[in-house]
Amino acid sequence: MSGDVEELYDYDLIRQSGEPSMFDVRPVRTTLVLGSSQSVDVLDPRKVRDVPVRRRRGGGGLVVLHPGDLWIDWWIPAGDPRWSGDLHVSSLRAGQWWRESLRDQIDGVLTVHEGRLEGEPAHRVVCFAGRGPGEVFVDGVKTVGVTQWRVREGVFVSTVLPVEPSIEALGFLTNVPVGLDRVLDEKVSAPVAGIDHARLIDRLVQVSGPWRSRSFQLDA
């Protein structure tokens, strides 16, 4: 497997934009997305031969995207009222947008993680194995992952709400850290799997906007 992995976006073009934008990414097929600092060697080439691999900028580990997952990103230029020089504040704000937007579709208890990054360092090879600032939980189960990429021109906040259990990611790894299977052995709650995405996106725009909205299919 080549060490060169195509990025999810043209990030250099995004950072040139002074226009606040919200991106709705829709996977056409199962796609693996690496964090910015992850080596492609964490993936077993025999297991990903027919699975496209992309890379995002920002922290965090591997995410397995499926059709039906909701991947929402925000580009917030410096100088916009929603921009903050505090990375913790930026993540918390995104989590609060999600929590508010999910309220009318989720029966469980919605919480936003307000502390620092938690979890075994070895387990962070997979995004949903830990807890980070701004991430959203339903009845204690991680439901929305949050990461960000910061440059002088602004901040790019990346979020995802998956419909499938994250334990599937183990099947693509070269090496599985001890205990990672236990950490990821959680079921996606039925209310999350059955949410109305169009309604949720409209609500996200309402509570966080205004934005220039951009939707595209990820046919990697």
N, C-alpha and C. Protein backbone atom coordinates (compact mmCIF):
# COMPACT_ATOMS: atom_id res chain seq x y z
N MET A 1 0.84 -1.20 0.00
CA MET A 1 0.00 0.00 0.00
C MET A 1 0.87 1.25 0.00
N SER A 2 0.56 2.20 -0.85
CA SER A 2 1.36 3.41 -0.97
C SER A 2 1.27 4.27 0.28
N GLY A 3 2.37 4.93 0.61
CA GLY A 3 2.37 5.84 1.76
C GLY A 3 1.65 7.14 1.46
N ASP A 4 1.38 7.43 0.18
CA ASP A 4 0.67 8.65 -0.19
C ASP A 4 -0.83 8.39 -0.18
N VAL A 5 -1.55 9.13 0.65
CA VAL A 5 -2.99 8.97 0.77
C VAL A 5 -3.66 10.30 0.43
N GLU A 6 -4.62 10.25 -0.47
CA GLU A 6 -5.32 11.47 -0.88
C GLU A 6 -6.08 12.07 0.30
N GLU A 7 -6.02 13.40 0.40
CA GLU A 7 -6.73 14.07 1.48
C GLU A 7 -8.22 14.17 1.16
N LEU A 8 -9.00 14.29 2.24
CA LEU A 8 -10.45 14.35 2.10
C LEU A 8 -10.89 15.60 1.36
N TYR A 9 -10.18 16.71 1.58
CA TYR A 9 -10.49 17.99 0.94
C TYR A 9 -9.22 18.57 0.33
N ASP A 10 -9.41 19.63 -0.46
CA ASP A 10 -8.30 20.50 -0.84
C ASP A 10 -8.20 21.55 0.28
N TYR A 11 -7.49 21.21 1.34
CA TYR A 11 -7.44 22.07 2.52
C TYR A 11 -6.75 23.40 2.24
N ASP A 12 -5.79 23.40 1.34
CA ASP A 12 -5.10 24.66 1.02
C ASP A 12 -6.07 25.65 0.37
N LEU A 13 -7.01 25.12 -0.41
CA LEU A 13 -8.02 25.99 -1.02
C LEU A 13 -8.99 26.50 0.05
N ILE A 14 -9.37 25.63 0.97
CA ILE A 14 -10.30 26.03 2.03
C ILE A 14 -9.73 27.16 2.86
N ARG A 15 -8.45 27.08 3.20
CA ARG A 15 -7.87 28.09 4.09
C ARG A 15 -7.76 29.45 3.42
N GLN A 16 -7.90 29.50 2.11
CA GLN A 16 -7.89 30.77 1.39
C GLN A 16 -9.25 31.46 1.42
N SER A 17 -10.27 30.73 1.86
CA SER A 17 -11.63 31.26 1.84
C SER A 17 -11.92 32.05 3.11
N GLY A 18 -12.47 33.24 2.94
CA GLY A 18 -12.90 34.04 4.07
C GLY A 18 -14.36 33.83 4.38
N GLU A 19 -14.98 32.84 3.72
CA GLU A 19 -16.41 32.60 3.87
C GLU A 19 -16.68 31.43 4.81
N PRO A 20 -17.38 31.64 5.91
CA PRO A 20 -17.72 30.54 6.81
C PRO A 20 -18.53 29.48 6.06
N SER A 21 -18.12 28.23 6.17
CA SER A 21 -18.75 27.17 5.37
C SER A 21 -19.03 25.94 6.21
N MET A 22 -20.13 25.27 5.88
CA MET A 22 -20.51 24.01 6.51
C MET A 22 -20.53 22.94 5.42
N PHE A 23 -19.81 21.83 5.65
CA PHE A 23 -19.67 20.77 4.66
C PHE A 23 -20.44 19.53 5.12
N ASP A 24 -21.25 19.01 4.24
CA ASP A 24 -22.00 17.77 4.47
C ASP A 24 -21.42 16.71 3.54
N VAL A 25 -20.64 15.77 4.12
CA VAL A 25 -19.94 14.75 3.33
C VAL A 25 -20.74 13.45 3.36
N ARG A 26 -21.07 12.91 2.21
CA ARG A 26 -21.90 11.71 2.14
C ARG A 26 -21.13 10.57 1.48
N PRO A 27 -20.70 9.59 2.26
CA PRO A 27 -19.95 8.46 1.70
C PRO A 27 -20.82 7.61 0.78
N VAL A 28 -20.28 7.26 -0.37
CA VAL A 28 -20.99 6.38 -1.30
C VAL A 28 -20.73 4.92 -0.95
N ARG A 29 -19.54 4.63 -0.42
CA ARG A 29 -19.20 3.27 0.01
C ARG A 29 -18.27 3.36 1.20
N THR A 30 -18.05 2.22 1.83
CA THR A 30 -17.18 2.18 3.00
C THR A 30 -15.82 2.77 2.67
N THR A 31 -15.38 3.72 3.49
CA THR A 31 -14.13 4.44 3.28
C THR A 31 -13.40 4.59 4.61
N LEU A 32 -12.09 4.39 4.60
CA LEU A 32 -11.28 4.58 5.80
C LEU A 32 -10.66 5.97 5.76
N VAL A 33 -10.76 6.69 6.88
CA VAL A 33 -10.20 8.04 6.96
C VAL A 33 -9.18 8.08 8.09
N LEU A 34 -7.93 8.33 7.75
CA LEU A 34 -6.85 8.43 8.73
C LEU A 34 -6.76 9.84 9.30
N GLY A 35 -6.28 9.95 10.54
CA GLY A 35 -5.97 11.24 11.11
C GLY A 35 -4.72 11.81 10.45
N SER A 36 -4.49 13.10 10.63
CA SER A 36 -3.41 13.77 9.90
C SER A 36 -2.04 13.22 10.24
N SER A 37 -1.83 12.78 11.48
CA SER A 37 -0.50 12.33 11.89
C SER A 37 -0.33 10.81 11.84
N GLN A 38 -1.36 10.10 11.41
CA GLN A 38 -1.27 8.64 11.39
C GLN A 38 -0.50 8.12 10.19
N SER A 39 0.36 7.15 10.44
CA SER A 39 1.04 6.48 9.34
C SER A 39 0.08 5.50 8.67
N VAL A 40 0.20 5.39 7.37
CA VAL A 40 -0.61 4.42 6.66
C VAL A 40 -0.28 2.99 7.09
N ASP A 41 0.85 2.82 7.77
CA ASP A 41 1.27 1.50 8.22
C ASP A 41 0.37 0.93 9.32
N VAL A 42 -0.49 1.76 9.90
CA VAL A 42 -1.42 1.21 10.90
C VAL A 42 -2.45 0.31 10.23
N LEU A 43 -2.58 0.42 8.90
CA LEU A 43 -3.53 -0.40 8.15
C LEU A 43 -2.83 -1.58 7.51
N ASP A 44 -3.47 -2.73 7.60
CA ASP A 44 -2.94 -3.95 6.98
C ASP A 44 -3.29 -3.92 5.50
N PRO A 45 -2.31 -3.84 4.60
CA PRO A 45 -2.60 -3.71 3.16
C PRO A 45 -3.42 -4.88 2.61
N ARG A 46 -3.32 -6.04 3.24
CA ARG A 46 -4.10 -7.18 2.78
C ARG A 46 -5.59 -7.00 3.08
N LYS A 47 -5.88 -6.22 4.13
CA LYS A 47 -7.27 -6.06 4.57
C LYS A 47 -7.96 -4.85 3.95
N VAL A 48 -7.16 -3.96 3.35
CA VAL A 48 -7.75 -2.74 2.79
C VAL A 48 -7.58 -2.68 1.28
N ARG A 49 -7.28 -3.81 0.69
CA ARG A 49 -6.98 -3.84 -0.76
C ARG A 49 -8.12 -3.24 -1.59
N ASP A 50 -9.36 -3.52 -1.20
CA ASP A 50 -10.50 -3.04 -1.98
C ASP A 50 -11.28 -1.94 -1.27
N VAL A 51 -10.66 -1.34 -0.25
CA VAL A 51 -11.33 -0.29 0.51
C VAL A 51 -10.57 1.02 0.33
N PRO A 52 -11.23 2.07 -0.14
CA PRO A 52 -10.53 3.34 -0.32
C PRO A 52 -10.09 3.95 1.01
N VAL A 53 -8.94 4.62 0.97
CA VAL A 53 -8.37 5.25 2.17
C VAL A 53 -8.15 6.73 1.86
N ARG A 54 -8.60 7.60 2.78
CA ARG A 54 -8.39 9.03 2.64
C ARG A 54 -7.78 9.55 3.94
N ARG A 55 -7.36 10.80 3.92
CA ARG A 55 -6.78 11.40 5.12
C ARG A 55 -7.44 12.75 5.38
N ARG A 56 -7.70 13.01 6.66
CA ARG A 56 -8.21 14.32 7.05
C ARG A 56 -7.11 15.07 7.79
N ARG A 57 -7.19 16.36 7.84
CA ARG A 57 -6.28 17.15 8.67
C ARG A 57 -6.94 17.35 10.02
N GLY A 58 -6.15 17.28 11.06
CA GLY A 58 -6.67 17.37 12.42
C GLY A 58 -6.28 16.13 13.20
N GLY A 59 -6.42 16.21 14.51
CA GLY A 59 -6.04 15.10 15.37
C GLY A 59 -7.00 13.94 15.27
N GLY A 60 -6.74 12.94 16.10
CA GLY A 60 -7.64 11.79 16.14
C GLY A 60 -7.13 10.63 15.33
N GLY A 61 -7.83 9.50 15.49
CA GLY A 61 -7.42 8.27 14.85
C GLY A 61 -8.31 7.88 13.69
N LEU A 62 -8.23 6.62 13.33
CA LEU A 62 -8.94 6.07 12.18
C LEU A 62 -10.45 6.13 12.37
N VAL A 63 -11.15 6.54 11.31
CA VAL A 63 -12.61 6.51 11.26
C VAL A 63 -13.02 5.66 10.06
N VAL A 64 -13.99 4.77 10.28
CA VAL A 64 -14.56 3.99 9.18
C VAL A 64 -15.88 4.63 8.79
N LEU A 65 -15.95 5.18 7.59
CA LEU A 65 -17.16 5.83 7.10
C LEU A 65 -18.00 4.85 6.30
N HIS A 66 -19.32 4.91 6.50
CA HIS A 66 -20.27 4.08 5.74
C HIS A 66 -21.34 4.97 5.11
N PRO A 67 -21.94 4.50 4.03
CA PRO A 67 -23.14 5.20 3.55
C PRO A 67 -24.15 5.26 4.70
N GLY A 68 -24.71 6.41 4.93
CA GLY A 68 -25.64 6.57 6.03
C GLY A 68 -25.03 7.27 7.23
N ASP A 69 -23.68 7.32 7.30
CA ASP A 69 -23.03 8.11 8.34
C ASP A 69 -23.22 9.60 8.04
N LEU A 70 -23.16 10.40 9.07
CA LEU A 70 -23.29 11.84 8.89
C LEU A 70 -21.97 12.50 9.27
N TRP A 71 -21.24 13.02 8.25
CA TRP A 71 -19.96 13.68 8.45
C TRP A 71 -20.17 15.16 8.16
N ILE A 72 -20.07 15.98 9.20
CA ILE A 72 -20.29 17.42 9.07
C ILE A 72 -19.03 18.16 9.51
N ASP A 73 -18.55 19.07 8.66
CA ASP A 73 -17.38 19.89 8.97
C ASP A 73 -17.73 21.36 8.85
N TRP A 74 -17.02 22.17 9.63
CA TRP A 74 -17.20 23.62 9.58
C TRP A 74 -15.86 24.31 9.38
N TRP A 75 -15.80 25.22 8.42
CA TRP A 75 -14.65 26.10 8.27
C TRP A 75 -15.04 27.45 8.85
N ILE A 76 -14.31 27.88 9.90
CA ILE A 76 -14.60 29.13 10.59
C ILE A 76 -13.40 30.05 10.43
N PRO A 77 -13.46 31.04 9.55
CA PRO A 77 -12.31 31.92 9.34
C PRO A 77 -12.01 32.75 10.59
N ALA A 78 -10.75 33.07 10.80
CA ALA A 78 -10.37 33.97 11.88
C ALA A 78 -11.08 35.31 11.66
N GLY A 79 -11.62 35.85 12.73
CA GLY A 79 -12.36 37.09 12.62
C GLY A 79 -13.86 36.87 12.62
N ASP A 80 -14.32 35.66 12.27
CA ASP A 80 -15.74 35.33 12.36
C ASP A 80 -16.12 35.29 13.85
N PRO A 81 -17.33 35.71 14.22
CA PRO A 81 -17.73 35.70 15.63
C PRO A 81 -17.66 34.32 16.28
N ARG A 82 -17.73 33.26 15.46
CA ARG A 82 -17.70 31.90 16.02
C ARG A 82 -16.27 31.36 16.15
N TRP A 83 -15.29 32.11 15.68
CA TRP A 83 -13.90 31.69 15.80
C TRP A 83 -13.40 31.96 17.21
N SER A 84 -12.55 31.06 17.71
CA SER A 84 -11.90 31.27 19.00
C SER A 84 -10.46 30.81 18.90
N GLY A 85 -9.58 31.52 19.55
CA GLY A 85 -8.18 31.11 19.60
C GLY A 85 -7.95 29.95 20.55
N ASP A 86 -8.96 29.60 21.32
CA ASP A 86 -8.89 28.50 22.28
C ASP A 86 -9.44 27.24 21.63
N LEU A 87 -8.58 26.25 21.38
CA LEU A 87 -9.03 25.04 20.68
C LEU A 87 -10.10 24.29 21.48
N HIS A 88 -10.02 24.38 22.81
CA HIS A 88 -11.01 23.72 23.66
C HIS A 88 -12.40 24.32 23.42
N VAL A 89 -12.45 25.65 23.34
CA VAL A 89 -13.71 26.35 23.11
C VAL A 89 -14.30 25.98 21.76
N SER A 90 -13.47 25.90 20.74
CA SER A 90 -13.97 25.56 19.40
C SER A 90 -14.61 24.18 19.37
N SER A 91 -13.99 23.20 20.03
CA SER A 91 -14.55 21.86 20.07
C SER A 91 -15.84 21.81 20.87
N LEU A 92 -15.85 22.48 22.02
CA LEU A 92 -17.05 22.50 22.86
C LEU A 92 -18.22 23.13 22.12
N ARG A 93 -17.95 24.18 21.38
CA ARG A 93 -19.03 24.85 20.66
C ARG A 93 -19.64 23.91 19.62
N ALA A 94 -18.81 23.17 18.91
CA ALA A 94 -19.33 22.22 17.92
C ALA A 94 -20.17 21.14 18.61
N GLY A 95 -19.69 20.64 19.75
CA GLY A 95 -20.44 19.64 20.48
C GLY A 95 -21.79 20.16 20.96
N GLN A 96 -21.83 21.41 21.37
CA GLN A 96 -23.08 22.02 21.81
C GLN A 96 -24.05 22.17 20.65
N TRP A 97 -23.54 22.49 19.46
CA TRP A 97 -24.41 22.55 18.29
C TRP A 97 -25.05 21.19 18.03
N TRP A 98 -24.23 20.14 18.12
CA TRP A 98 -24.75 18.79 17.91
C TRP A 98 -25.78 18.42 18.97
N ARG A 99 -25.45 18.67 20.22
CA ARG A 99 -26.37 18.31 21.30
C ARG A 99 -27.72 18.99 21.12
N GLU A 100 -27.69 20.27 20.82
CA GLU A 100 -28.94 20.99 20.64
C GLU A 100 -29.72 20.45 19.44
N SER A 101 -29.03 20.07 18.39
CA SER A 101 -29.69 19.59 17.17
C SER A 101 -30.25 18.18 17.32
N LEU A 102 -29.64 17.38 18.19
CA LEU A 102 -30.10 16.00 18.39
C LEU A 102 -31.23 15.88 19.40
N ARG A 103 -31.48 16.92 20.17
CA ARG A 103 -32.43 16.83 21.28
C ARG A 103 -33.80 16.30 20.87
N ASP A 104 -34.33 16.78 19.75
CA ASP A 104 -35.70 16.41 19.40
C ASP A 104 -35.80 15.07 18.66
N GLN A 105 -34.64 14.38 18.49
CA GLN A 105 -34.67 13.07 17.84
C GLN A 105 -34.11 11.96 18.72
N ILE A 106 -33.59 12.30 19.87
CA ILE A 106 -32.96 11.33 20.76
C ILE A 106 -33.68 11.31 22.11
N ASP A 107 -34.02 10.12 22.57
CA ASP A 107 -34.70 9.98 23.87
C ASP A 107 -33.70 9.87 25.02
N GLY A 108 -32.46 9.46 24.73
CA GLY A 108 -31.48 9.26 25.79
C GLY A 108 -30.92 10.56 26.33
N VAL A 109 -30.03 10.42 27.31
CA VAL A 109 -29.39 11.58 27.93
C VAL A 109 -28.20 12.02 27.06
N LEU A 110 -28.25 13.25 26.58
CA LEU A 110 -27.20 13.81 25.73
C LEU A 110 -26.23 14.62 26.57
N THR A 111 -24.95 14.31 26.45
CA THR A 111 -23.93 15.06 27.17
C THR A 111 -22.77 15.40 26.24
N VAL A 112 -22.08 16.49 26.54
CA VAL A 112 -20.89 16.91 25.79
C VAL A 112 -19.69 16.80 26.73
N HIS A 113 -18.64 16.11 26.27
CA HIS A 113 -17.44 15.95 27.09
C HIS A 113 -16.72 17.29 27.17
N GLU A 114 -16.60 17.82 28.38
CA GLU A 114 -16.00 19.13 28.58
C GLU A 114 -14.56 19.06 29.06
N GLY A 115 -14.09 17.86 29.38
CA GLY A 115 -12.73 17.73 29.88
C GLY A 115 -11.71 17.60 28.77
N ARG A 116 -10.52 17.24 29.15
CA ARG A 116 -9.44 17.05 28.18
C ARG A 116 -9.52 15.66 27.55
N LEU A 117 -8.61 15.39 26.64
CA LEU A 117 -8.58 14.09 25.98
C LEU A 117 -8.37 12.98 26.99
N GLU A 118 -9.18 11.94 26.89
CA GLU A 118 -9.10 10.80 27.80
C GLU A 118 -8.98 9.51 27.00
N GLY A 119 -8.37 8.50 27.61
CA GLY A 119 -8.24 7.20 26.98
C GLY A 119 -6.79 6.77 26.87
N GLU A 120 -6.59 5.46 26.77
CA GLU A 120 -5.25 4.91 26.63
C GLU A 120 -4.60 5.40 25.34
N PRO A 121 -3.38 5.94 25.40
CA PRO A 121 -2.72 6.42 24.19
C PRO A 121 -2.66 5.38 23.07
N ALA A 122 -2.42 4.12 23.43
CA ALA A 122 -2.33 3.07 22.41
C ALA A 122 -3.65 2.85 21.70
N HIS A 123 -4.76 3.15 22.38
CA HIS A 123 -6.09 2.92 21.81
C HIS A 123 -6.51 4.02 20.85
N ARG A 124 -5.78 5.12 20.84
CA ARG A 124 -6.19 6.27 20.02
C ARG A 124 -5.95 6.05 18.54
N VAL A 125 -5.47 4.88 18.19
CA VAL A 125 -5.34 4.52 16.78
C VAL A 125 -6.71 4.55 16.11
N VAL A 126 -7.78 4.35 16.88
CA VAL A 126 -9.16 4.43 16.37
C VAL A 126 -9.86 5.58 17.08
N CYS A 127 -10.49 6.45 16.30
CA CYS A 127 -11.06 7.69 16.84
C CYS A 127 -12.03 7.45 18.00
N PHE A 128 -12.92 6.49 17.86
CA PHE A 128 -14.01 6.36 18.83
C PHE A 128 -13.60 5.59 20.09
N ALA A 129 -12.31 5.35 20.27
CA ALA A 129 -11.85 4.64 21.47
C ALA A 129 -11.64 5.57 22.65
N GLY A 130 -11.62 6.88 22.43
CA GLY A 130 -11.36 7.81 23.52
C GLY A 130 -12.45 8.85 23.67
N ARG A 131 -12.19 9.81 24.53
CA ARG A 131 -13.09 10.93 24.76
C ARG A 131 -12.30 12.22 24.55
N GLY A 132 -12.82 13.08 23.71
CA GLY A 132 -12.16 14.36 23.47
C GLY A 132 -13.10 15.51 23.72
N PRO A 133 -12.57 16.72 23.89
CA PRO A 133 -13.40 17.89 24.12
C PRO A 133 -14.46 18.07 23.03
N GLY A 134 -15.69 18.32 23.44
CA GLY A 134 -16.76 18.57 22.49
C GLY A 134 -17.48 17.33 21.98
N GLU A 135 -16.95 16.16 22.26
CA GLU A 135 -17.59 14.95 21.73
C GLU A 135 -18.89 14.66 22.47
N VAL A 136 -19.86 14.14 21.74
CA VAL A 136 -21.22 13.99 22.25
C VAL A 136 -21.50 12.53 22.59
N PHE A 137 -22.14 12.33 23.72
CA PHE A 137 -22.46 10.99 24.20
C PHE A 137 -23.97 10.88 24.44
N VAL A 138 -24.51 9.70 24.13
CA VAL A 138 -25.91 9.39 24.42
C VAL A 138 -25.92 8.25 25.42
N ASP A 139 -26.45 8.52 26.60
CA ASP A 139 -26.45 7.52 27.68
C ASP A 139 -25.05 6.96 27.91
N GLY A 140 -24.04 7.82 27.82
CA GLY A 140 -22.67 7.42 28.08
C GLY A 140 -21.94 6.78 26.92
N VAL A 141 -22.61 6.58 25.78
CA VAL A 141 -21.98 5.97 24.61
C VAL A 141 -21.60 7.07 23.61
N LYS A 142 -20.35 7.07 23.19
CA LYS A 142 -19.88 8.09 22.27
C LYS A 142 -20.65 8.02 20.96
N THR A 143 -21.19 9.15 20.55
CA THR A 143 -22.09 9.20 19.41
C THR A 143 -21.59 10.13 18.31
N VAL A 144 -20.93 11.23 18.69
CA VAL A 144 -20.38 12.18 17.71
C VAL A 144 -18.91 12.43 18.06
N GLY A 145 -18.03 12.14 17.10
CA GLY A 145 -16.61 12.42 17.27
C GLY A 145 -16.28 13.82 16.77
N VAL A 146 -15.31 14.47 17.40
CA VAL A 146 -14.94 15.84 17.05
C VAL A 146 -13.41 15.95 16.98
N THR A 147 -12.92 16.59 15.94
CA THR A 147 -11.50 16.93 15.84
C THR A 147 -11.39 18.26 15.12
N GLN A 148 -10.19 18.83 15.10
CA GLN A 148 -10.05 20.12 14.43
C GLN A 148 -8.65 20.31 13.87
N TRP A 149 -8.58 21.19 12.89
CA TRP A 149 -7.32 21.58 12.25
C TRP A 149 -7.27 23.10 12.30
N ARG A 150 -6.18 23.63 12.88
CA ARG A 150 -6.08 25.06 13.09
C ARG A 150 -4.92 25.64 12.28
N VAL A 151 -5.19 26.74 11.60
CA VAL A 151 -4.17 27.49 10.88
C VAL A 151 -4.42 28.97 11.16
N ARG A 152 -3.50 29.82 10.74
CA ARG A 152 -3.66 31.23 11.08
C ARG A 152 -4.92 31.83 10.44
N GLU A 153 -5.37 31.23 9.33
CA GLU A 153 -6.54 31.79 8.65
C GLU A 153 -7.87 31.39 9.29
N GLY A 154 -7.85 30.38 10.17
CA GLY A 154 -9.10 29.96 10.78
C GLY A 154 -8.99 28.57 11.38
N VAL A 155 -10.13 27.99 11.68
CA VAL A 155 -10.19 26.65 12.26
C VAL A 155 -11.19 25.80 11.48
N PHE A 156 -10.80 24.55 11.23
CA PHE A 156 -11.65 23.60 10.52
C PHE A 156 -12.05 22.53 11.52
N VAL A 157 -13.32 22.51 11.89
CA VAL A 157 -13.83 21.57 12.88
C VAL A 157 -14.53 20.43 12.15
N SER A 158 -14.06 19.21 12.42
CA SER A 158 -14.56 18.03 11.72
C SER A 158 -15.31 17.13 12.69
N THR A 159 -16.53 16.70 12.31
CA THR A 159 -17.36 15.89 13.19
C THR A 159 -18.00 14.74 12.41
N VAL A 160 -18.30 13.65 13.12
CA VAL A 160 -18.96 12.52 12.46
C VAL A 160 -19.88 11.80 13.43
N LEU A 161 -21.06 11.45 12.93
CA LEU A 161 -22.01 10.62 13.65
C LEU A 161 -22.16 9.33 12.86
N PRO A 162 -21.58 8.22 13.33
CA PRO A 162 -21.64 6.96 12.59
C PRO A 162 -22.91 6.18 12.90
N VAL A 163 -23.31 5.33 11.96
CA VAL A 163 -24.48 4.48 12.19
C VAL A 163 -24.08 3.04 12.47
N GLU A 164 -22.79 2.73 12.36
CA GLU A 164 -22.29 1.38 12.60
C GLU A 164 -21.33 1.39 13.78
N PRO A 165 -21.23 0.27 14.51
CA PRO A 165 -20.28 0.19 15.62
C PRO A 165 -18.84 0.39 15.15
N SER A 166 -18.04 1.10 15.94
CA SER A 166 -16.66 1.39 15.56
C SER A 166 -15.74 0.19 15.66
N ILE A 167 -16.22 -0.90 16.26
CA ILE A 167 -15.36 -2.08 16.43
C ILE A 167 -14.94 -2.66 15.08
N GLU A 168 -15.69 -2.35 14.03
CA GLU A 168 -15.33 -2.83 12.69
C GLU A 168 -13.93 -2.37 12.29
N ALA A 169 -13.48 -1.24 12.83
CA ALA A 169 -12.17 -0.71 12.48
C ALA A 169 -11.04 -1.68 12.79
N LEU A 170 -11.24 -2.54 13.78
CA LEU A 170 -10.19 -3.48 14.18
C LEU A 170 -9.81 -4.41 13.03
N GLY A 171 -10.76 -4.70 12.16
CA GLY A 171 -10.51 -5.61 11.05
C GLY A 171 -9.58 -5.07 10.00
N PHE A 172 -9.24 -3.77 10.07
CA PHE A 172 -8.36 -3.16 9.08
C PHE A 172 -6.96 -2.87 9.63
N LEU A 173 -6.76 -3.07 10.93
CA LEU A 173 -5.49 -2.69 11.55
C LEU A 173 -4.40 -3.74 11.37
N THR A 174 -3.18 -3.26 11.26
CA THR A 174 -2.02 -4.16 11.22
C THR A 174 -1.84 -4.83 12.57
N ASN A 175 -1.94 -4.04 13.62
CA ASN A 175 -1.82 -4.55 14.99
C ASN A 175 -2.94 -3.97 15.83
N VAL A 176 -3.59 -4.81 16.63
CA VAL A 176 -4.67 -4.36 17.49
C VAL A 176 -4.15 -4.25 18.93
N PRO A 177 -4.07 -3.03 19.47
CA PRO A 177 -3.59 -2.87 20.84
C PRO A 177 -4.44 -3.67 21.83
N VAL A 178 -3.80 -4.18 22.85
CA VAL A 178 -4.49 -4.97 23.87
C VAL A 178 -5.60 -4.12 24.52
N GLY A 179 -6.80 -4.68 24.57
CA GLY A 179 -7.92 -4.02 25.22
C GLY A 179 -8.75 -3.13 24.33
N LEU A 180 -8.28 -2.86 23.10
CA LEU A 180 -9.02 -1.98 22.21
C LEU A 180 -10.37 -2.59 21.81
N ASP A 181 -10.40 -3.91 21.64
CA ASP A 181 -11.66 -4.56 21.29
C ASP A 181 -12.71 -4.35 22.37
N ARG A 182 -12.29 -4.41 23.63
CA ARG A 182 -13.23 -4.21 24.74
C ARG A 182 -13.77 -2.78 24.74
N VAL A 183 -12.88 -1.82 24.50
CA VAL A 183 -13.28 -0.42 24.51
C VAL A 183 -14.29 -0.11 23.41
N LEU A 184 -14.11 -0.74 22.25
CA LEU A 184 -14.97 -0.44 21.11
C LEU A 184 -16.20 -1.34 21.02
N ASP A 185 -16.32 -2.30 21.93
CA ASP A 185 -17.42 -3.25 21.87
C ASP A 185 -18.71 -2.63 22.40
N GLU A 186 -19.20 -1.67 21.65
CA GLU A 186 -20.44 -0.99 22.01
C GLU A 186 -21.39 -1.03 20.82
N LYS A 187 -22.66 -1.07 21.09
CA LYS A 187 -23.66 -1.08 20.04
C LYS A 187 -24.14 0.35 19.77
N VAL A 188 -24.46 0.62 18.52
CA VAL A 188 -25.06 1.90 18.18
C VAL A 188 -26.51 1.85 18.63
N SER A 189 -26.93 2.83 19.39
CA SER A 189 -28.29 2.81 19.90
C SER A 189 -29.29 3.01 18.77
N ALA A 190 -30.42 2.36 18.89
CA ALA A 190 -31.45 2.41 17.84
C ALA A 190 -31.89 3.83 17.50
N PRO A 191 -32.06 4.74 18.50
CA PRO A 191 -32.47 6.10 18.14
C PRO A 191 -31.47 6.81 17.24
N VAL A 192 -30.17 6.56 17.44
CA VAL A 192 -29.15 7.19 16.61
C VAL A 192 -29.19 6.61 15.20
N ALA A 193 -29.34 5.28 15.10
CA ALA A 193 -29.37 4.64 13.79
C ALA A 193 -30.58 5.06 12.97
N GLY A 194 -31.65 5.52 13.63
CA GLY A 194 -32.87 5.83 12.90
C GLY A 194 -33.17 7.31 12.76
N ILE A 195 -32.21 8.17 13.02
CA ILE A 195 -32.50 9.60 12.96
C ILE A 195 -32.71 10.07 11.53
N ASP A 196 -33.45 11.17 11.39
CA ASP A 196 -33.73 11.80 10.11
C ASP A 196 -32.57 12.76 9.80
N HIS A 197 -31.72 12.37 8.86
CA HIS A 197 -30.52 13.17 8.58
C HIS A 197 -30.85 14.55 8.02
N ALA A 198 -31.81 14.62 7.11
CA ALA A 198 -32.15 15.92 6.52
C ALA A 198 -32.64 16.89 7.59
N ARG A 199 -33.47 16.39 8.46
CA ARG A 199 -33.98 17.22 9.56
C ARG A 199 -32.85 17.63 10.50
N LEU A 200 -31.93 16.71 10.76
CA LEU A 200 -30.81 17.01 11.65
C LEU A 200 -29.89 18.06 11.04
N ILE A 201 -29.61 17.95 9.76
CA ILE A 201 -28.75 18.93 9.09
C ILE A 201 -29.40 20.31 9.11
N ASP A 202 -30.70 20.37 8.84
CA ASP A 202 -31.41 21.65 8.90
C ASP A 202 -31.29 22.28 10.28
N ARG A 203 -31.38 21.44 11.30
CA ARG A 203 -31.30 21.94 12.67
C ARG A 203 -29.88 22.41 12.99
N LEU A 204 -28.88 21.68 12.51
CA LEU A 204 -27.49 22.10 12.71
C LEU A 204 -27.22 23.47 12.09
N VAL A 205 -27.76 23.68 10.91
CA VAL A 205 -27.60 24.98 10.25
C VAL A 205 -28.28 26.06 11.08
N GLN A 206 -29.47 25.75 11.58
CA GLN A 206 -30.23 26.72 12.34
C GLN A 206 -29.52 27.15 13.61
N VAL A 207 -28.94 26.18 14.34
CA VAL A 207 -28.34 26.53 15.64
C VAL A 207 -26.91 27.06 15.51
N SER A 208 -26.25 26.80 14.39
CA SER A 208 -24.85 27.20 14.26
C SER A 208 -24.59 28.28 13.22
N GLY A 209 -25.53 28.47 12.29
CA GLY A 209 -25.31 29.32 11.12
C GLY A 209 -25.30 30.81 11.43
N PRO A 210 -25.21 31.61 10.35
CA PRO A 210 -25.31 31.23 8.94
C PRO A 210 -23.98 30.73 8.36
N TRP A 211 -24.11 29.87 7.32
CA TRP A 211 -22.97 29.31 6.62
C TRP A 211 -23.23 29.29 5.12
N ARG A 212 -22.18 29.15 4.37
CA ARG A 212 -22.32 28.69 3.00
C ARG A 212 -22.34 27.18 3.07
N SER A 213 -23.44 26.55 2.71
CA SER A 213 -23.59 25.10 2.83
C SER A 213 -23.06 24.41 1.58
N ARG A 214 -22.25 23.39 1.79
CA ARG A 214 -21.65 22.64 0.69
C ARG A 214 -21.83 21.14 0.94
N SER A 215 -22.46 20.44 0.02
CA SER A 215 -22.66 19.00 0.13
C SER A 215 -21.94 18.31 -1.01
N PHE A 216 -21.29 17.19 -0.71
CA PHE A 216 -20.70 16.40 -1.79
C PHE A 216 -20.63 14.94 -1.40
N GLN A 217 -20.65 14.09 -2.42
CA GLN A 217 -20.55 12.67 -2.21
C GLN A 217 -19.08 12.26 -2.18
N LEU A 218 -18.74 11.42 -1.22
CA LEU A 218 -17.38 10.91 -1.11
C LEU A 218 -17.33 9.56 -1.81
N ASP A 219 -17.06 9.62 -3.11
CA ASP A 219 -16.94 8.40 -3.91
C ASP A 219 -15.46 8.13 -4.08
N ALA A 220 -14.81 7.73 -2.98
CA ALA A 220 -13.35 7.65 -2.95
C ALA A 220 -12.78 6.66 -3.93
